[in-house]
Structures are given as C-alpha cells and as structure tokens.
Amino acid sequence: MKFLKPLVFLSVLFLSFTACKKDSDKPAPTLQGKWTGKYGMGNDNPAHFYSLNFKAGGVLEEINQAGEVRGTGTWEIDNNNIITGTTVNTKDPVGVKFSIIASFYPSDGIVLGNWGYDDSATDGGTFELKSKN
C-alpha cells in the first residue's frame, strides 16, 4: 500500500502536464497564399491598395482591387525570411516589370518591404501586407 500513494501522485502530476493546452499553440501563418495591404511611392507612407498571391512553386501574382490578376512572376524566400520576387504586368500598363525585396514576420502575420522598377527592388517605394489566408 505504501507504493500506491506515490504512484497515484505521479499519475495525477503526469496527467496535469499532458492535459494542459496553450492558447498560443496555433501555427504561425505561412507565406503561401494571398496577402493584402498598401504601397507607397518614394518616401511616402504606404497608402495605395496592394495585394500579392504567393503560390506554390514560386509563382507570384499581383492582384488588383477587383480581385483580378494584374501581373505574374516569381518569388523565393531564404532562411532569414527575406523574400525576393518580380512581376510583369499582364494588364495596363502591359509589360511593365516590378521587383520586390521584403521581410516576412510569421509570428506577426506581416510582410514589410520595398518595391522598384525593372530589376531594382528599391527605387519605387515601400509596402506592407497582411495575410488573407
């Protein structure tokens, strides 16, 4: 009987640790999916609609306010959560190329970055996006 009391105590202690569930256990968002926010021109604060869809296989779509694909391109992310990508307009103005470089903050669910014309990802302005997943 002496061994039964410590065994019950250890069992209750074990169950109390395994039964607890943290509310913060939900996974951080992944980059893949639709992100919406704003972009700014030059040094202006972001104030204009901007949306990107990061698709599997490195496919990137720029989405307009009507939900239509405005441009397509490619994206990639490295271990430090730095995103690079390019899109080429398929709608007005057709053929214009944009480049981006950004940081992905999965715990906050945001992407903050710079955009630019052609191959320069820094000569256009800044942007900020939040996950729509």
C-alpha atoms as a PDB file:
ATOM      1  CA  MET A   1       0.000   0.000   0.000  1.00  0.00           C
ATOM      2  CA  LYS A   2       2.887   2.383   0.637  1.00  0.00           C
ATOM      3  CA  PHE A   3       3.841   2.379  -3.032  1.00  0.00           C
ATOM      4  CA  LEU A   4       0.278   3.100  -4.192  1.00  0.00           C
ATOM      5  CA  LYS A   5       0.152   6.639  -2.772  1.00  0.00           C
ATOM      6  CA  PRO A   6       3.290   7.904  -4.645  1.00  0.00           C
ATOM      7  CA  LEU A   7       2.125   6.124  -7.796  1.00  0.00           C
ATOM      8  CA  VAL A   8      -1.252   7.930  -7.710  1.00  0.00           C
ATOM      9  CA  PHE A   9       0.500  11.256  -7.037  1.00  0.00           C
ATOM     10  CA  LEU A  10       2.865  10.787 -10.002  1.00  0.00           C
ATOM     11  CA  SER A  11      -0.040   9.773 -12.246  1.00  0.00           C
ATOM     12  CA  VAL A  12      -2.033  12.900 -11.344  1.00  0.00           C
ATOM     13  CA  LEU A  13       1.057  15.070 -11.837  1.00  0.00           C
ATOM     14  CA  PHE A  14       1.755  13.499 -15.244  1.00  0.00           C
ATOM     15  CA  LEU A  15      -1.848  13.954 -16.396  1.00  0.00           C
ATOM     16  CA  SER A  16      -1.929  17.600 -15.322  1.00  0.00           C
ATOM     17  CA  PHE A  17       1.071  18.400 -17.544  1.00  0.00           C
ATOM     18  CA  THR A  18      -0.152  16.476 -20.558  1.00  0.00           C
ATOM     19  CA  ALA A  19      -3.736  17.759 -20.358  1.00  0.00           C
ATOM     20  CA  CYS A  20      -2.799  21.428 -20.500  1.00  0.00           C
ATOM     21  CA  LYS A  21      -3.069  23.128 -23.856  1.00  0.00           C
ATOM     22  CA  LYS A  22      -1.658  26.550 -24.555  1.00  0.00           C
ATOM     23  CA  ASP A  23      -3.825  29.040 -26.449  1.00  0.00           C
ATOM     24  CA  SER A  24      -0.728  30.228 -28.300  1.00  0.00           C
ATOM     25  CA  ASP A  25      -0.202  26.823 -29.933  1.00  0.00           C
ATOM     26  CA  LYS A  26      -1.809  27.870 -33.215  1.00  0.00           C
ATOM     27  CA  PRO A  27       0.698  27.800 -36.059  1.00  0.00           C
ATOM     28  CA  ALA A  28       2.169  30.969 -37.475  1.00  0.00           C
ATOM     29  CA  PRO A  29       0.950  31.801 -40.991  1.00  0.00           C
ATOM     30  CA  THR A  30       2.957  30.593 -43.937  1.00  0.00           C
ATOM     31  CA  LEU A  31       3.905  32.917 -46.750  1.00  0.00           C
ATOM     32  CA  GLN A  32       1.970  30.942 -49.323  1.00  0.00           C
ATOM     33  CA  GLY A  33      -1.428  32.489 -50.064  1.00  0.00           C
ATOM     34  CA  LYS A  34      -2.997  35.913 -50.630  1.00  0.00           C
ATOM     35  CA  TRP A  35      -1.595  38.962 -48.816  1.00  0.00           C
ATOM     36  CA  THR A  36      -3.210  42.388 -48.953  1.00  0.00           C
ATOM     37  CA  GLY A  37      -2.083  45.811 -47.801  1.00  0.00           C
ATOM     38  CA  LYS A  38      -0.736  49.077 -49.150  1.00  0.00           C
ATOM     39  CA  TYR A  39       2.230  50.502 -51.039  1.00  0.00           C
ATOM     40  CA  GLY A  40       3.762  53.973 -51.085  1.00  0.00           C
ATOM     41  CA  MET A  41       5.594  55.922 -53.774  1.00  0.00           C
ATOM     42  CA  GLY A  42       9.123  57.106 -52.963  1.00  0.00           C
ATOM     43  CA  ASN A  43       9.327  58.174 -49.323  1.00  0.00           C
ATOM     44  CA  ASP A  44       5.531  58.400 -48.903  1.00  0.00           C
ATOM     45  CA  ASN A  45       3.855  56.149 -46.352  1.00  0.00           C
ATOM     46  CA  PRO A  46       2.002  53.208 -47.915  1.00  0.00           C
ATOM     47  CA  ALA A  47      -1.497  54.414 -48.844  1.00  0.00           C
ATOM     48  CA  HIS A  48      -2.394  52.656 -52.137  1.00  0.00           C
ATOM     49  CA  PHE A  49      -4.006  49.198 -52.443  1.00  0.00           C
ATOM     50  CA  TYR A  50      -1.522  46.356 -52.984  1.00  0.00           C
ATOM     51  CA  SER A  51      -2.071  42.605 -52.993  1.00  0.00           C
ATOM     52  CA  LEU A  52       0.195  39.669 -53.794  1.00  0.00           C
ATOM     53  CA  ASN A  53      -0.626  35.986 -54.065  1.00  0.00           C
ATOM     54  CA  PHE A  54       2.379  33.789 -53.205  1.00  0.00           C
ATOM     55  CA  LYS A  55       1.596  30.489 -54.897  1.00  0.00           C
ATOM     56  CA  ALA A  56       3.284  27.094 -54.687  1.00  0.00           C
ATOM     57  CA  GLY A  57       6.245  26.512 -56.941  1.00  0.00           C
ATOM     58  CA  GLY A  58       7.449  30.116 -56.695  1.00  0.00           C
ATOM     59  CA  VAL A  59       4.593  31.604 -58.729  1.00  0.00           C
ATOM     60  CA  LEU A  60       3.748  35.209 -57.782  1.00  0.00           C
ATOM     61  CA  GLU A  61       0.603  37.095 -58.772  1.00  0.00           C
ATOM     62  CA  GLU A  62      -0.128  40.772 -58.272  1.00  0.00           C
ATOM     63  CA  ILE A  63      -3.862  41.198 -57.632  1.00  0.00           C
ATOM     64  CA  ASN A  64      -5.859  44.409 -58.259  1.00  0.00           C
ATOM     65  CA  GLN A  65      -8.728  45.673 -56.062  1.00  0.00           C
ATOM     66  CA  ALA A  66     -11.274  43.838 -58.203  1.00  0.00           C
ATOM     67  CA  GLY A  67      -9.501  40.551 -57.390  1.00  0.00           C
ATOM     68  CA  GLU A  68      -8.112  40.126 -60.909  1.00  0.00           C
ATOM     69  CA  VAL A  69      -4.537  39.114 -61.662  1.00  0.00           C
ATOM     70  CA  ARG A  70      -2.731  42.264 -62.779  1.00  0.00           C
ATOM     71  CA  GLY A  71       0.718  40.716 -63.200  1.00  0.00           C
ATOM     72  CA  THR A  72       2.544  37.424 -62.798  1.00  0.00           C
ATOM     73  CA  GLY A  73       6.080  36.483 -61.895  1.00  0.00           C
ATOM     74  CA  THR A  74       8.209  34.501 -59.484  1.00  0.00           C
ATOM     75  CA  TRP A  75       9.148  34.601 -55.796  1.00  0.00           C
ATOM     76  CA  GLU A  76      11.523  32.866 -53.409  1.00  0.00           C
ATOM     77  CA  ILE A  77      12.332  33.055 -49.715  1.00  0.00           C
ATOM     78  CA  ASP A  78      15.578  32.290 -47.900  1.00  0.00           C
ATOM     79  CA  ASN A  79      16.197  31.043 -44.350  1.00  0.00           C
ATOM     80  CA  ASN A  80      16.224  34.567 -42.926  1.00  0.00           C
ATOM     81  CA  ASN A  81      12.684  35.159 -44.228  1.00  0.00           C
ATOM     82  CA  ILE A  82      13.840  37.579 -46.910  1.00  0.00           C
ATOM     83  CA  ILE A  83      11.539  37.443 -49.905  1.00  0.00           C
ATOM     84  CA  THR A  84      12.570  38.407 -53.416  1.00  0.00           C
ATOM     85  CA  GLY A  85      10.256  38.471 -56.379  1.00  0.00           C
ATOM     86  CA  THR A  86       9.350  40.016 -59.694  1.00  0.00           C
ATOM     87  CA  THR A  87       6.093  40.566 -61.539  1.00  0.00           C
ATOM     88  CA  VAL A  88       5.422  41.662 -65.098  1.00  0.00           C
ATOM     89  CA  ASN A  89       2.112  43.381 -65.793  1.00  0.00           C
ATOM     90  CA  THR A  90      -0.314  41.422 -67.900  1.00  0.00           C
ATOM     91  CA  LYS A  91      -2.804  44.311 -67.665  1.00  0.00           C
ATOM     92  CA  ASP A  92      -2.427  48.053 -68.192  1.00  0.00           C
ATOM     93  CA  PRO A  93       0.385  49.069 -68.467  1.00  0.00           C
ATOM     94  CA  VAL A  94       1.283  45.761 -70.162  1.00  0.00           C
ATOM     95  CA  GLY A  95       4.889  44.592 -69.922  1.00  0.00           C
ATOM     96  CA  VAL A  96       5.988  46.820 -67.009  1.00  0.00           C
ATOM     97  CA  LYS A  97       8.258  44.876 -64.629  1.00  0.00           C
ATOM     98  CA  PHE A  98       8.349  45.365 -60.845  1.00  0.00           C
ATOM     99  CA  SER A  99      10.722  43.828 -58.310  1.00  0.00           C
ATOM    100  CA  ILE A 100      10.333  43.397 -54.557  1.00  0.00           C
ATOM    101  CA  ILE A 101      12.501  42.616 -51.560  1.00  0.00           C
ATOM    102  CA  ALA A 102      10.818  42.111 -48.204  1.00  0.00           C
ATOM    103  CA  SER A 103      10.984  40.593 -44.750  1.00  0.00           C
ATOM    104  CA  PHE A 104       8.419  38.029 -43.649  1.00  0.00           C
ATOM    105  CA  TYR A 105       7.364  38.114 -39.983  1.00  0.00           C
ATOM    106  CA  PRO A 106       5.356  34.895 -39.493  1.00  0.00           C
ATOM    107  CA  SER A 107       4.629  35.480 -35.791  1.00  0.00           C
ATOM    108  CA  ASP A 108       3.045  38.867 -36.626  1.00  0.00           C
ATOM    109  CA  GLY A 109       1.490  37.749 -39.922  1.00  0.00           C
ATOM    110  CA  ILE A 110       3.006  40.632 -41.897  1.00  0.00           C
ATOM    111  CA  VAL A 111       5.335  41.268 -44.811  1.00  0.00           C
ATOM    112  CA  LEU A 112       7.258  44.568 -44.939  1.00  0.00           C
ATOM    113  CA  GLY A 113       9.340  45.517 -47.938  1.00  0.00           C
ATOM    114  CA  ASN A 114      10.496  47.702 -50.775  1.00  0.00           C
ATOM    115  CA  TRP A 115       9.476  47.667 -54.414  1.00  0.00           C
ATOM    116  CA  GLY A 116      11.039  49.066 -57.542  1.00  0.00           C
ATOM    117  CA  TYR A 117      11.033  49.194 -61.306  1.00  0.00           C
ATOM    118  CA  ASP A 118      12.619  46.530 -63.501  1.00  0.00           C
ATOM    119  CA  ASP A 119      15.413  44.734 -61.591  1.00  0.00           C
ATOM    120  CA  SER A 120      15.806  47.331 -58.814  1.00  0.00           C
ATOM    121  CA  ALA A 121      13.728  46.428 -55.772  1.00  0.00           C
ATOM    122  CA  THR A 122      14.374  49.727 -54.019  1.00  0.00           C
ATOM    123  CA  ASP A 123      13.726  52.646 -56.379  1.00  0.00           C
ATOM    124  CA  GLY A 124       9.903  52.685 -56.157  1.00  0.00           C
ATOM    125  CA  GLY A 125       8.818  52.822 -52.527  1.00  0.00           C
ATOM    126  CA  THR A 126       7.722  50.649 -49.608  1.00  0.00           C
ATOM    127  CA  PHE A 127       4.858  48.258 -48.962  1.00  0.00           C
ATOM    128  CA  GLU A 128       3.209  46.373 -46.116  1.00  0.00           C
ATOM    129  CA  LEU A 129       0.991  43.309 -46.383  1.00  0.00           C
ATOM    130  CA  LYS A 130      -1.126  41.189 -44.035  1.00  0.00           C
ATOM    131  CA  SER A 131      -2.205  37.617 -44.599  1.00  0.00           C
ATOM    132  CA  LYS A 132      -5.665  36.992 -46.048  1.00  0.00           C
ATOM    133  CA  ASN A 133      -5.356  33.200 -45.584  1.00  0.00           C
END
